[in-house]
Amino acid sequence: MFRRTVFFIALFFIFAYASYSPAAIEREPNNTSEQANPVNLNDTVSGMINYGDGSDFYKLIFPQSGIGTVSISGYPSDCIIQVGVSGFHPKYPTASAGTVESDRGGPLSFSFSGQGNKTGYIRVSLYSVASGVCSGSEWCAVQCAPNGPYYLTPFNDRQAKNGPSTYNDKPVLSPIQYQFSVSLQALPDQYEPNHDNHPAYDFISYDQKLQKGIIKTIPIGQEIAAYLFNDMPMLMRGTKGWEKSVQLGGENDTDIYHIYLSQPDTVKVTLRDFPHNANSRIVITARSGYDWEESATGATYFEKKVKDPGNVFIEISKGR
C-alpha cells in the first residue's frame, strides 16, 4: 500500500516491542483498559460475550510504526460485533482511533495507522442487543435480533446454572464467541515523527518545531529514504462506516526536513519512487517561513534560489 519515497537535495551541484505473555483465550475480567488481556501480533485470540460485558479489552505493542489490521469472525449470523481501536499514540495512551461495526454475522477486517513502541488497545463488544433476560442469579441470555435466538451470557464471578432450551418460543443457545487477530505492515521511518499534527504544535514555527525535535536535520549530498505515512492512530481511508470522513490517517502525511545553508545558494529537490497516483508536492521554505515556493502538483523535481544563509525546510506531501 505504501512505497518508500526516496529523495535528495542539491545546492547548485547535487546534494541533492515490548514482550507480553499472550492470551490465546480471553481471560475475564477484561472490561477496562486496566484489565486488558495482553496479546501478540498474529495470534488468533478467542473471546466470549459474558454477562455485563461492556467491552472486552486486549492490549499489544507494535514493534514499529505501521498499518495494523484487525480481522474478526466466528460470531453468530444474527449478531453485529463492534471493534474499537485506541492507544498506539505518542502522548495519549487511551486516545480513540475509532470504532467499526460488522455486518450481521459477517467477518470484519479493517486497518488503522499506529505508532510503534506504544501500547494500543483492541476492544470487542456487541453493537446492539434486541432484548435480554435473566432468571434471578441462575442464568442470563441476550438476543441479537428481534426474531433470533437467545445466547447465554456466562457470569464472571460464579458458575451459571444450565439455562432452558427455549425462552419466549426462541431457542436458547450457547454463548457468543468470536476469534480475532491483529497483523502489522511495518513502515519504519527514522525521521518520524517529523510533522506533529497535534493542535498544540499547529501554530508554532518551523524553527520552533526544529528546536523541539519534531523536524529533523538531514545530511546534504545523501539520499533520504522515508515513507509518506502518518503514524498517528487513525482509521485508514475507505474503512467501513467512515467512507465520507476527511480526517482519516495513514495517507494524510506531510514530512518536513531541515538543512542549513552557510551562504545563499540554489536548493534542488528530486523525488524518486514516489507513487505515480499520489500527486506529489514539494515546498521549500526559508527565512523563518517568510520566503517559500511550492511545486506544481505531481512534481518529482523542484528548485528554489535561497537568498540568505540560515535554516531551510523541505516539505514533502501529497498534492492538494
Protein backbone atom coordinates (compact mmCIF):
# COMPACT_ATOMS: atom_id res chain seq x y z
CA MET A 1 0.00 0.00 0.00
CA PHE A 2 2.80 2.39 0.89
CA ARG A 3 6.06 2.60 -1.01
CA ARG A 4 9.16 4.24 0.34
CA THR A 5 9.86 7.64 -1.14
CA VAL A 6 13.49 8.42 -1.86
CA PHE A 7 14.67 11.96 -2.46
CA PHE A 8 17.80 14.02 -2.41
CA ILE A 9 18.54 17.70 -2.16
CA ALA A 10 21.08 19.74 -4.10
CA LEU A 11 22.84 23.07 -3.80
CA PHE A 12 23.72 24.28 -7.26
CA PHE A 13 25.54 20.93 -7.58
CA ILE A 14 23.64 17.84 -6.48
CA PHE A 15 23.47 17.28 -2.77
CA ALA A 16 20.68 16.66 -3.80
CA TYR A 17 8.49 -4.19 21.37
CA ALA A 18 7.67 -4.91 24.50
CA SER A 19 7.35 -8.61 25.44
CA TYR A 20 3.96 -9.79 26.68
CA SER A 21 2.59 -13.17 27.70
CA PRO A 22 -0.05 -13.66 25.01
CA ALA A 23 -3.67 -14.62 25.75
CA ALA A 24 -4.85 -17.02 23.03
CA ILE A 25 -8.06 -17.38 25.05
CA GLU A 26 -9.74 -14.40 26.71
CA ARG A 27 -9.38 -14.09 30.47
CA GLU A 28 -12.15 -12.29 32.35
CA PRO A 29 -12.46 -9.73 33.78
CA ASN A 30 -11.11 -7.61 30.93
CA ASN A 31 -13.75 -4.91 30.66
CA THR A 32 -11.47 -1.88 31.06
CA SER A 33 -8.13 -0.87 29.59
CA GLU A 34 -6.53 -1.52 33.00
CA GLN A 35 -7.79 -5.13 32.83
CA ALA A 36 -6.85 -5.66 29.17
CA ASN A 37 -5.54 -9.09 28.21
CA PRO A 38 -2.08 -8.90 26.60
CA VAL A 39 -1.90 -10.44 23.12
CA ASN A 40 0.77 -10.65 20.44
CA LEU A 41 0.69 -9.79 16.76
CA ASN A 42 -0.71 -12.57 14.54
CA ASP A 43 -2.11 -14.55 17.49
CA THR A 44 -5.59 -15.94 16.92
CA VAL A 45 -7.43 -14.90 20.07
CA SER A 46 -10.74 -16.47 21.15
CA GLY A 47 -13.19 -14.44 23.21
CA MET A 48 -16.72 -14.69 24.56
CA ILE A 49 -19.53 -12.25 25.35
CA ASN A 50 -20.20 -12.56 29.08
CA TYR A 51 -22.86 -11.13 31.36
CA GLY A 52 -22.26 -7.45 31.98
CA ASP A 53 -19.66 -7.15 29.23
CA GLY A 54 -19.41 -3.60 28.00
CA SER A 55 -16.29 -4.35 26.01
CA ASP A 56 -13.58 -6.98 26.08
CA PHE A 57 -10.20 -5.22 26.11
CA TYR A 58 -6.94 -6.56 24.69
CA LYS A 59 -3.57 -4.81 24.54
CA LEU A 60 -0.46 -5.10 22.41
CA ILE A 61 2.53 -3.08 21.22
CA PHE A 62 3.66 -2.61 17.64
CA PRO A 63 7.44 -3.15 17.42
CA GLN A 64 7.50 -0.50 14.66
CA SER A 65 5.12 2.14 13.32
CA GLY A 66 2.90 0.99 10.50
CA ILE A 67 -0.54 -0.18 9.42
CA GLY A 68 -2.34 -2.53 11.78
CA THR A 69 -5.16 -4.75 10.51
CA VAL A 70 -7.81 -6.28 12.76
CA SER A 71 -9.69 -9.33 11.46
CA ILE A 72 -12.56 -10.78 13.48
CA SER A 73 -15.09 -13.55 12.78
CA GLY A 74 -16.80 -16.57 14.33
CA TYR A 75 -19.83 -14.87 15.93
CA PRO A 76 -23.43 -15.90 15.15
CA SER A 77 -25.05 -14.88 11.87
CA ASP A 78 -27.63 -12.60 13.53
CA CYS A 79 -25.17 -10.64 15.69
CA ILE A 80 -23.30 -7.40 14.97
CA ILE A 81 -19.88 -7.00 16.55
CA GLN A 82 -18.21 -3.65 17.20
CA VAL A 83 -14.42 -3.32 17.34
CA GLY A 84 -12.65 -0.24 18.64
CA VAL A 85 -9.01 0.81 18.49
CA SER A 86 -7.31 3.13 20.99
CA GLY A 87 -3.80 3.94 22.10
CA PHE A 88 -0.76 3.43 19.81
CA HIS A 89 -0.37 7.15 20.49
CA PRO A 90 2.78 9.14 21.43
CA LYS A 91 1.06 11.24 24.12
CA TYR A 92 -2.40 9.88 24.96
CA PRO A 93 -2.36 6.19 25.97
CA THR A 94 -6.10 5.61 25.51
CA ALA A 95 -6.96 8.08 22.73
CA SER A 96 -9.55 6.52 20.41
CA ALA A 97 -8.73 5.94 16.75
CA GLY A 98 -12.34 4.96 16.02
CA THR A 99 -14.81 2.08 16.08
CA VAL A 100 -16.10 -0.14 13.28
CA GLU A 101 -19.20 -2.35 13.15
CA SER A 102 -19.56 -5.64 11.29
CA ASP A 103 -22.47 -6.72 9.14
CA ARG A 104 -24.72 -9.25 10.86
CA GLY A 105 -22.68 -12.41 11.20
CA GLY A 106 -20.20 -11.30 8.58
CA PRO A 107 -16.46 -11.23 9.17
CA LEU A 108 -14.92 -7.81 9.71
CA SER A 109 -11.49 -6.58 8.71
CA PHE A 110 -10.19 -3.03 8.81
CA SER A 111 -6.88 -1.19 9.07
CA PHE A 112 -5.51 1.72 11.05
CA SER A 113 -2.27 3.62 11.42
CA GLY A 114 -0.39 3.32 14.68
CA GLN A 115 2.89 4.28 16.30
CA GLY A 116 5.49 1.72 17.26
CA ASN A 117 6.56 1.01 20.84
CA LYS A 118 3.32 2.45 22.25
CA THR A 119 0.68 0.34 23.97
CA GLY A 120 -2.54 0.01 21.99
CA TYR A 121 -5.92 -1.48 22.80
CA ILE A 122 -8.44 -3.52 20.82
CA ARG A 123 -11.91 -3.66 22.33
CA VAL A 124 -14.69 -6.00 21.24
CA SER A 125 -18.38 -5.75 22.10
CA LEU A 126 -21.88 -6.47 20.84
CA TYR A 127 -23.02 -3.49 18.82
CA SER A 128 -26.71 -3.89 19.66
CA VAL A 129 -28.98 -6.16 21.69
CA ALA A 130 -32.64 -6.69 20.86
CA SER A 131 -33.50 -7.95 24.34
CA GLY A 132 -32.06 -9.65 27.38
CA VAL A 133 -33.33 -11.93 30.10
CA CYS A 134 -32.12 -13.20 33.47
CA SER A 135 -33.61 -15.85 35.72
CA GLY A 136 -32.60 -14.46 39.07
CA SER A 137 -28.94 -15.27 39.59
CA GLU A 138 -29.14 -18.62 37.81
CA TRP A 139 -28.61 -17.69 34.14
CA CYS A 140 -28.82 -14.77 31.72
CA ALA A 141 -29.11 -14.51 27.94
CA VAL A 142 -29.25 -11.89 25.18
CA GLN A 143 -30.97 -11.72 21.83
CA CYS A 144 -29.07 -10.10 18.94
CA ALA A 145 -32.06 -9.75 16.58
CA PRO A 146 -35.78 -9.44 17.39
CA ASN A 147 -36.70 -12.77 15.82
CA GLY A 148 -33.47 -14.55 16.58
CA PRO A 149 -32.41 -16.99 19.26
CA TYR A 150 -31.13 -16.13 22.72
CA TYR A 151 -27.50 -16.65 23.65
CA LEU A 152 -26.39 -17.46 27.18
CA THR A 153 -24.09 -14.91 28.82
CA PRO A 154 -21.88 -16.57 31.46
CA PHE A 155 -21.15 -14.84 34.77
CA ASN A 156 -17.60 -13.75 35.55
CA ASP A 157 -17.82 -14.38 39.30
CA ARG A 158 -19.76 -17.63 39.54
CA GLN A 159 -20.89 -20.68 37.62
CA ALA A 160 -24.24 -20.23 35.91
CA LYS A 161 -26.84 -22.96 36.13
CA ASN A 162 -28.00 -24.62 32.95
CA GLY A 163 -30.48 -22.43 31.12
CA PRO A 164 -33.63 -23.66 29.40
CA SER A 165 -33.59 -24.94 25.83
CA THR A 166 -36.08 -22.24 24.81
CA TYR A 167 -37.28 -18.89 26.07
CA ASN A 168 -40.26 -16.99 24.70
CA ASP A 169 -40.54 -19.66 21.99
CA LYS A 170 -36.99 -18.92 20.85
CA PRO A 171 -34.02 -21.28 21.18
CA VAL A 172 -31.52 -20.59 23.95
CA LEU A 173 -28.07 -21.31 22.55
CA SER A 174 -24.52 -21.43 23.85
CA PRO A 175 -22.63 -18.16 24.46
CA ILE A 176 -21.50 -15.85 21.65
CA GLN A 177 -17.88 -16.48 20.78
CA TYR A 178 -15.50 -14.72 18.40
CA GLN A 179 -11.95 -15.03 17.12
CA PHE A 180 -9.70 -12.17 16.08
CA SER A 181 -6.13 -11.41 15.14
CA VAL A 182 -4.04 -8.28 14.58
CA SER A 183 -1.35 -8.06 11.92
CA LEU A 184 1.13 -5.29 11.12
CA GLN A 185 2.59 -3.87 7.93
CA ALA A 186 5.66 -2.18 9.37
CA LEU A 187 6.66 1.15 7.81
CA PRO A 188 9.87 2.10 9.65
CA ASP A 189 10.96 5.71 9.13
CA GLN A 190 13.89 7.05 11.14
CA TYR A 191 12.75 10.64 10.61
CA GLU A 192 9.26 10.24 12.05
CA PRO A 193 7.56 11.91 13.72
CA ASN A 194 8.58 14.90 11.58
CA HIS A 195 5.22 16.59 11.31
CA ASP A 196 3.27 16.62 14.55
CA ASN A 197 -0.38 17.28 13.73
CA HIS A 198 -1.38 17.69 17.37
CA PRO A 199 -3.14 21.06 17.83
CA ALA A 200 -0.51 22.16 20.35
CA TYR A 201 2.00 22.36 17.51
CA ASP A 202 -0.20 23.72 14.73
CA PHE A 203 0.67 27.36 15.43
CA ILE A 204 4.37 27.23 16.14
CA SER A 205 7.02 27.99 13.54
CA TYR A 206 9.22 25.51 11.71
CA ASP A 207 12.18 26.87 13.67
CA GLN A 208 10.39 26.06 16.93
CA LYS A 209 9.49 22.59 15.67
CA LEU A 210 13.15 22.10 14.80
CA GLN A 211 14.14 23.10 18.34
CA LYS A 212 11.61 20.64 19.81
CA GLY A 213 12.97 17.82 17.65
CA ILE A 214 9.77 17.44 15.63
CA ILE A 215 11.62 18.37 12.43
CA LYS A 216 14.93 16.58 11.87
CA THR A 217 18.08 17.79 10.13
CA ILE A 218 19.10 15.68 7.12
CA PRO A 219 22.57 15.34 5.58
CA ILE A 220 23.48 17.23 2.43
CA GLY A 221 24.54 15.10 -0.52
CA GLN A 222 22.83 11.86 0.51
CA GLU A 223 19.55 10.25 -0.50
CA ILE A 224 16.84 10.14 2.15
CA ALA A 225 14.58 7.07 2.21
CA ALA A 226 11.30 7.57 4.04
CA TYR A 227 7.61 6.71 3.99
CA LEU A 228 4.93 9.30 3.41
CA PHE A 229 2.93 7.82 6.24
CA ASN A 230 1.28 9.40 9.25
CA ASP A 231 1.69 7.07 12.21
CA MET A 232 -0.78 8.94 14.41
CA PRO A 233 -3.51 6.38 15.28
CA MET A 234 -6.40 6.84 12.85
CA LEU A 235 -8.57 4.58 10.73
CA MET A 236 -7.40 4.20 7.16
CA ARG A 237 -9.27 5.74 4.24
CA GLY A 238 -12.18 3.62 3.00
CA THR A 239 -12.89 1.98 6.36
CA LYS A 240 -16.46 0.66 6.59
CA GLY A 241 -18.74 3.33 8.04
CA TRP A 242 -16.12 6.06 7.60
CA GLU A 243 -16.22 6.40 3.82
CA LYS A 244 -17.08 10.12 3.90
CA SER A 245 -14.63 11.13 6.61
CA VAL A 246 -11.83 13.52 5.67
CA GLN A 247 -9.95 13.03 8.94
CA LEU A 248 -8.61 9.55 8.28
CA GLY A 249 -4.96 8.78 8.76
CA GLY A 250 -2.01 6.98 7.34
CA GLU A 251 -2.13 8.62 3.95
CA ASN A 252 -2.60 12.16 5.25
CA ASP A 253 1.05 12.80 5.99
CA THR A 254 3.38 15.74 5.49
CA ASP A 255 7.09 15.16 6.00
CA ILE A 256 9.28 18.17 6.81
CA TYR A 257 13.08 18.12 6.79
CA HIS A 258 15.72 20.70 7.68
CA ILE A 259 19.02 21.70 6.08
CA TYR A 260 21.31 24.61 6.89
CA LEU A 261 22.86 26.90 4.26
CA SER A 262 26.04 28.73 5.18
CA GLN A 263 25.63 31.02 2.16
CA PRO A 264 23.00 31.88 -0.48
CA ASP A 265 22.51 29.08 -2.98
CA THR A 266 20.02 27.12 -5.08
CA VAL A 267 18.28 24.24 -3.35
CA LYS A 268 17.23 21.40 -5.64
CA VAL A 269 14.97 18.55 -4.52
CA THR A 270 14.39 15.37 -6.52
CA LEU A 271 11.89 12.62 -5.61
CA ARG A 272 12.32 9.01 -6.62
CA ASP A 273 10.00 6.01 -6.14
CA PHE A 274 7.07 8.29 -5.32
CA PRO A 275 3.79 6.50 -6.25
CA HIS A 276 2.50 7.84 -9.55
CA ASN A 277 -1.06 8.24 -8.29
CA ALA A 278 -0.06 10.17 -5.16
CA ASN A 279 0.25 13.64 -6.76
CA SER A 280 3.46 14.64 -5.03
CA ARG A 281 4.07 18.17 -3.78
CA ILE A 282 7.34 19.86 -2.76
CA VAL A 283 7.63 23.08 -0.75
CA ILE A 284 10.93 24.83 0.01
CA THR A 285 10.81 27.40 2.83
CA ALA A 286 13.49 29.85 4.03
CA ARG A 287 13.80 32.97 6.16
CA SER A 288 11.67 31.59 9.02
CA GLY A 289 8.72 31.00 6.73
CA TYR A 290 8.70 34.39 5.01
CA ASP A 291 10.22 33.09 1.77
CA TRP A 292 8.72 29.93 0.32
CA GLU A 293 7.82 28.39 -3.01
CA GLU A 294 5.66 25.41 -3.90
CA SER A 295 5.96 22.95 -6.77
CA ALA A 296 3.19 22.05 -9.16
CA THR A 297 1.09 19.05 -8.19
CA GLY A 298 2.75 15.84 -9.32
CA ALA A 299 6.26 17.30 -9.40
CA THR A 300 9.20 15.00 -8.71
CA TYR A 301 11.77 17.79 -9.07
CA PHE A 302 11.75 21.33 -7.72
CA GLU A 303 14.35 24.00 -7.09
CA LYS A 304 14.45 27.37 -5.36
CA LYS A 305 17.03 30.12 -5.06
CA VAL A 306 17.62 30.93 -1.41
CA LYS A 307 18.96 34.46 -0.95
CA ASP A 308 20.13 34.29 2.65
CA PRO A 309 22.09 31.78 4.73
CA GLY A 310 20.23 30.01 7.51
CA ASN A 311 17.64 27.32 8.05
CA VAL A 312 15.83 25.87 5.03
CA PHE A 313 12.89 23.47 5.31
CA ILE A 314 11.82 20.93 2.68
CA GLU A 315 8.24 19.71 2.82
CA ILE A 316 7.13 16.55 1.01
CA SER A 317 3.45 15.65 0.80
CA LYS A 318 0.66 14.56 -1.48
CA GLY A 319 -0.62 17.25 -3.81
CA ARG A 320 -3.66 19.27 -2.96
